[in-house]
C-alpha atoms as a PDB file:
ATOM      1  CA  UNK A   1     213.474 209.540 -95.281  1.00  0.00           C
ATOM      2  CA  UNK A   2     210.429 208.700 -93.235  1.00  0.00           C
ATOM      3  CA  UNK A   3     210.172 210.226 -89.800  1.00  0.00           C
ATOM      4  CA  UNK A   4     211.324 207.999 -86.981  1.00  0.00           C
ATOM      5  CA  UNK A   5     209.412 207.591 -83.727  1.00  0.00           C
ATOM      6  CA  UNK A   6     212.249 209.353 -81.906  1.00  0.00           C
ATOM      7  CA  UNK A   7     211.552 212.479 -83.971  1.00  0.00           C
ATOM      8  CA  UNK A   8     208.220 212.832 -82.194  1.00  0.00           C
ATOM      9  CA  UNK A   9     209.681 212.246 -78.737  1.00  0.00           C
ATOM     10  CA  UNK A  10     213.145 213.858 -78.737  1.00  0.00           C
ATOM     11  CA  UNK A  11     214.126 217.482 -79.069  1.00  0.00           C
ATOM     12  CA  UNK A  12     217.397 217.055 -80.944  1.00  0.00           C
ATOM     13  CA  UNK A  13     218.165 220.761 -80.628  1.00  0.00           C
ATOM     14  CA  UNK A  14     218.093 220.411 -76.821  1.00  0.00           C
ATOM     15  CA  UNK A  15     220.234 217.240 -77.031  1.00  0.00           C
ATOM     16  CA  UNK A  16     222.941 219.236 -78.815  1.00  0.00           C
ATOM     17  CA  UNK A  17     222.341 222.343 -76.693  1.00  0.00           C
ATOM     18  CA  UNK A  18     221.631 224.637 -79.645  1.00  0.00           C
ATOM     19  CA  UNK A  19     218.686 226.805 -80.647  1.00  0.00           C
ATOM     20  CA  UNK A  20     216.234 225.869 -83.395  1.00  0.00           C
ATOM     21  CA  UNK A  21     217.700 228.663 -85.514  1.00  0.00           C
ATOM     22  CA  UNK A  22     221.277 227.343 -85.171  1.00  0.00           C
ATOM     23  CA  UNK A  23     223.436 227.347 -88.286  1.00  0.00           C
ATOM     24  CA  UNK A  24     224.968 224.175 -89.715  1.00  0.00           C
ATOM     25  CA  UNK A  25     228.314 225.329 -88.354  1.00  0.00           C
ATOM     26  CA  UNK A  26     226.925 225.783 -84.817  1.00  0.00           C
ATOM     27  CA  UNK A  27     225.297 222.344 -84.931  1.00  0.00           C
ATOM     28  CA  UNK A  28     228.534 220.711 -86.090  1.00  0.00           C
ATOM     29  CA  UNK A  29     230.556 222.535 -83.421  1.00  0.00           C
ATOM     30  CA  UNK A  30     228.134 221.449 -80.654  1.00  0.00           C
ATOM     31  CA  UNK A  31     228.141 217.856 -81.918  1.00  0.00           C
ATOM     32  CA  UNK A  32     231.931 217.611 -82.018  1.00  0.00           C
ATOM     33  CA  UNK A  33     232.267 219.011 -78.494  1.00  0.00           C
ATOM     34  CA  UNK A  34     229.688 216.594 -77.047  1.00  0.00           C
ATOM     35  CA  UNK A  35     230.917 213.603 -79.070  1.00  0.00           C
ATOM     36  CA  UNK A  36     234.438 214.172 -77.769  1.00  0.00           C
ATOM     37  CA  UNK A  37     233.152 214.559 -74.199  1.00  0.00           C
ATOM     38  CA  UNK A  38     230.984 211.421 -74.213  1.00  0.00           C
ATOM     39  CA  UNK A  39     232.935 209.185 -76.613  1.00  0.00           C
ATOM     40  CA  UNK A  40     233.279 205.611 -75.272  1.00  0.00           C
ATOM     41  CA  UNK A  41     237.074 205.731 -75.731  1.00  0.00           C
ATOM     42  CA  UNK A  42     237.222 208.743 -73.392  1.00  0.00           C
ATOM     43  CA  UNK A  43     234.865 207.049 -70.898  1.00  0.00           C
ATOM     44  CA  UNK A  44     235.663 203.315 -70.869  1.00  0.00           C
ATOM     45  CA  UNK A  45     232.990 201.295 -69.107  1.00  0.00           C
ATOM     46  CA  UNK A  46     230.728 204.317 -68.489  1.00  0.00           C
ATOM     47  CA  UNK A  47     227.305 203.197 -69.751  1.00  0.00           C
ATOM     48  CA  UNK A  48     225.706 206.607 -69.114  1.00  0.00           C
ATOM     49  CA  UNK A  49     228.331 208.348 -71.252  1.00  0.00           C
ATOM     50  CA  UNK A  50     227.914 205.688 -73.938  1.00  0.00           C
ATOM     51  CA  UNK A  51     224.126 206.256 -74.076  1.00  0.00           C
ATOM     52  CA  UNK A  52     224.617 210.018 -74.168  1.00  0.00           C
ATOM     53  CA  UNK A  53     227.110 209.599 -77.034  1.00  0.00           C
ATOM     54  CA  UNK A  54     224.513 207.567 -78.981  1.00  0.00           C
ATOM     55  CA  UNK A  55     221.856 210.216 -78.312  1.00  0.00           C
ATOM     56  CA  UNK A  56     224.165 213.025 -79.462  1.00  0.00           C
ATOM     57  CA  UNK A  57     225.102 211.047 -82.589  1.00  0.00           C
ATOM     58  CA  UNK A  58     221.431 210.415 -83.429  1.00  0.00           C
ATOM     59  CA  UNK A  59     220.677 214.125 -83.020  1.00  0.00           C
ATOM     60  CA  UNK A  60     223.540 215.096 -85.309  1.00  0.00           C
ATOM     61  CA  UNK A  61     222.531 212.462 -87.864  1.00  0.00           C
ATOM     62  CA  UNK A  62     219.256 214.359 -88.312  1.00  0.00           C
ATOM     63  CA  UNK A  63     220.233 217.987 -87.694  1.00  0.00           C
ATOM     64  CA  UNK A  64     223.540 217.715 -89.557  1.00  0.00           C
ATOM     65  CA  UNK A  65     221.736 216.755 -92.788  1.00  0.00           C
ATOM     66  CA  UNK A  66     219.828 219.695 -94.298  1.00  0.00           C
ATOM     67  CA  UNK A  67     217.092 217.522 -95.839  1.00  0.00           C
ATOM     68  CA  UNK A  68     216.529 215.450 -92.680  1.00  0.00           C
ATOM     69  CA  UNK A  69     216.570 218.616 -90.562  1.00  0.00           C
ATOM     70  CA  UNK A  70     213.872 220.216 -92.701  1.00  0.00           C
ATOM     71  CA  UNK A  71     211.701 217.107 -92.440  1.00  0.00           C
ATOM     72  CA  UNK A  72     212.355 216.862 -88.680  1.00  0.00           C
ATOM     73  CA  UNK A  73     211.340 220.504 -88.195  1.00  0.00           C
ATOM     74  CA  UNK A  74     208.107 219.916 -90.145  1.00  0.00           C
ATOM     75  CA  UNK A  75     207.270 216.846 -88.051  1.00  0.00           C
ATOM     76  CA  UNK A  76     207.953 218.741 -84.820  1.00  0.00           C
ATOM     77  CA  UNK A  77     205.718 221.635 -85.938  1.00  0.00           C
ATOM     78  CA  UNK A  78     202.954 219.161 -86.766  1.00  0.00           C
ATOM     79  CA  UNK A  79     203.243 217.517 -83.337  1.00  0.00           C
ATOM     80  CA  UNK A  80     203.293 220.903 -81.580  1.00  0.00           C
ATOM     81  CA  UNK A  81     200.079 221.913 -83.373  1.00  0.00           C
ATOM     82  CA  UNK A  82     198.321 218.804 -82.067  1.00  0.00           C
ATOM     83  CA  UNK A  83     197.958 217.190 -85.474  1.00  0.00           C
ATOM     84  CA  UNK A  84     200.618 214.560 -84.945  1.00  0.00           C
ATOM     85  CA  UNK A  85     200.383 210.931 -83.987  1.00  0.00           C
ATOM     86  CA  UNK A  86     199.961 209.664 -80.467  1.00  0.00           C
ATOM     87  CA  UNK A  87     201.836 206.515 -79.635  1.00  0.00           C
ATOM     88  CA  UNK A  88     199.860 203.798 -77.950  1.00  0.00           C
ATOM     89  CA  UNK A  89     201.030 201.053 -75.633  1.00  0.00           C
ATOM     90  CA  UNK A  90     203.627 198.773 -77.142  1.00  0.00           C
ATOM     91  CA  UNK A  91     204.975 201.471 -79.452  1.00  0.00           C
ATOM     92  CA  UNK A  92     202.157 201.501 -82.000  1.00  0.00           C
ATOM     93  CA  UNK A  93     200.404 204.559 -83.336  1.00  0.00           C
ATOM     94  CA  UNK A  94     197.417 205.513 -81.220  1.00  0.00           C
ATOM     95  CA  UNK A  95     195.885 207.798 -83.826  1.00  0.00           C
ATOM     96  CA  UNK A  96     196.080 211.363 -85.015  1.00  0.00           C
ATOM     97  CA  UNK A  97     194.748 214.096 -82.795  1.00  0.00           C
ATOM     98  CA  UNK A  98     193.251 217.080 -84.553  1.00  0.00           C
ATOM     99  CA  UNK A  99     193.754 215.604 -88.013  1.00  0.00           C
ATOM    100  CA  UNK A 100     190.801 214.873 -90.234  1.00  0.00           C
ATOM    101  CA  UNK A 101     190.735 212.981 -93.468  1.00  0.00           C
ATOM    102  CA  UNK A 102     187.978 212.574 -95.993  1.00  0.00           C
ATOM    103  CA  UNK A 103     188.489 210.450 -99.098  1.00  0.00           C
ATOM    104  CA  UNK A 104     186.778 213.204-101.092  1.00  0.00           C
ATOM    105  CA  UNK A 105     189.798 215.421-100.275  1.00  0.00           C
ATOM    106  CA  UNK A 106     191.931 213.481-102.745  1.00  0.00           C
ATOM    107  CA  UNK A 107     189.781 214.324-105.758  1.00  0.00           C
ATOM    108  CA  UNK A 108     189.116 211.553-108.266  1.00  0.00           C
ATOM    109  CA  UNK A 109     190.395 208.892-105.921  1.00  0.00           C
ATOM    110  CA  UNK A 110     187.493 209.727-103.620  1.00  0.00           C
ATOM    111  CA  UNK A 111     185.150 207.920-106.007  1.00  0.00           C
ATOM    112  CA  UNK A 112     187.342 204.843-106.027  1.00  0.00           C
ATOM    113  CA  UNK A 113     187.890 204.652-102.285  1.00  0.00           C
ATOM    114  CA  UNK A 114     184.420 205.909-101.482  1.00  0.00           C
ATOM    115  CA  UNK A 115     182.934 203.100-103.572  1.00  0.00           C
ATOM    116  CA  UNK A 116     185.012 200.554-101.732  1.00  0.00           C
ATOM    117  CA  UNK A 117     183.707 201.811 -98.406  1.00  0.00           C
ATOM    118  CA  UNK A 118     180.064 202.350 -99.370  1.00  0.00           C
ATOM    119  CA  UNK A 119     180.319 206.074-100.047  1.00  0.00           C
ATOM    120  CA  UNK A 120     180.679 205.975-103.820  1.00  0.00           C
ATOM    121  CA  UNK A 121     178.350 207.733-106.214  1.00  0.00           C
ATOM    122  CA  UNK A 122     175.584 205.561-107.500  1.00  0.00           C
ATOM    123  CA  UNK A 123     174.347 205.346-111.062  1.00  0.00           C
ATOM    124  CA  UNK A 124     172.282 208.416-111.825  1.00  0.00           C
ATOM    125  CA  UNK A 125     174.166 210.521-109.304  1.00  0.00           C
ATOM    126  CA  UNK A 126     175.013 214.091-110.129  1.00  0.00           C
ATOM    127  CA  UNK A 127     178.611 215.268-110.488  1.00  0.00           C
ATOM    128  CA  UNK A 128     179.679 218.362-108.471  1.00  0.00           C
ATOM    129  CA  UNK A 129     179.330 220.362-111.713  1.00  0.00           C
ATOM    130  CA  UNK A 130     175.605 219.502-111.782  1.00  0.00           C
ATOM    131  CA  UNK A 131     175.896 217.180-114.792  1.00  0.00           C
ATOM    132  CA  UNK A 132     174.647 213.594-114.481  1.00  0.00           C
ATOM    133  CA  UNK A 133     177.309 210.915-114.247  1.00  0.00           C
ATOM    134  CA  UNK A 134     178.093 209.228-117.532  1.00  0.00           C
ATOM    135  CA  UNK A 135     179.304 205.879-116.297  1.00  0.00           C
ATOM    136  CA  UNK A 136     178.056 202.941-118.339  1.00  0.00           C
ATOM    137  CA  UNK A 137     176.267 200.136-116.602  1.00  0.00           C
ATOM    138  CA  UNK A 138     178.698 197.272-116.238  1.00  0.00           C
ATOM    139  CA  UNK A 139     177.678 193.733-115.353  1.00  0.00           C
ATOM    140  CA  UNK A 140     179.200 190.381-116.046  1.00  0.00           C
ATOM    141  CA  UNK A 141     176.383 189.677-118.555  1.00  0.00           C
ATOM    142  CA  UNK A 142     176.602 193.072-120.245  1.00  0.00           C
ATOM    143  CA  UNK A 143     177.912 193.279-123.788  1.00  0.00           C
ATOM    144  CA  UNK A 144     179.595 196.570-122.854  1.00  0.00           C
ATOM    145  CA  UNK A 145     183.178 195.984-121.711  1.00  0.00           C
ATOM    146  CA  UNK A 146     183.815 197.088-118.160  1.00  0.00           C
ATOM    147  CA  UNK A 147     186.370 199.811-117.560  1.00  0.00           C
ATOM    148  CA  UNK A 148     189.011 199.174-114.934  1.00  0.00           C
END
């Protein structure tokens, strides 16, 4: 599951009133207590209780599922380290603070993407191993078939 915007903004552990090291059983117990307390049937017409019930349910949806909880914890660690996204006006991503990305980091794809953005190796360039590149010249008039 992809992280949701709320994962960056909400501390689901605080919503449920448990520690980050809480067991599955403790999380379930806290959820059931709060869900019973704020359930719309127990608080007819109380919009604040209804919103709190939705918040508690959203927290349990993530923390009550081991896989989602692991992903949530990773996202929260990333945000705490300053490498996470900032949200701009209107709810869009504002960018990533502290994160750097270089197309060369992805290995062979760096040539492909680098070429698309003017950073590709040119004919006669030298590979990192020191050997010259062995790419054939490919033009629309060449008798050599072009590789994809």
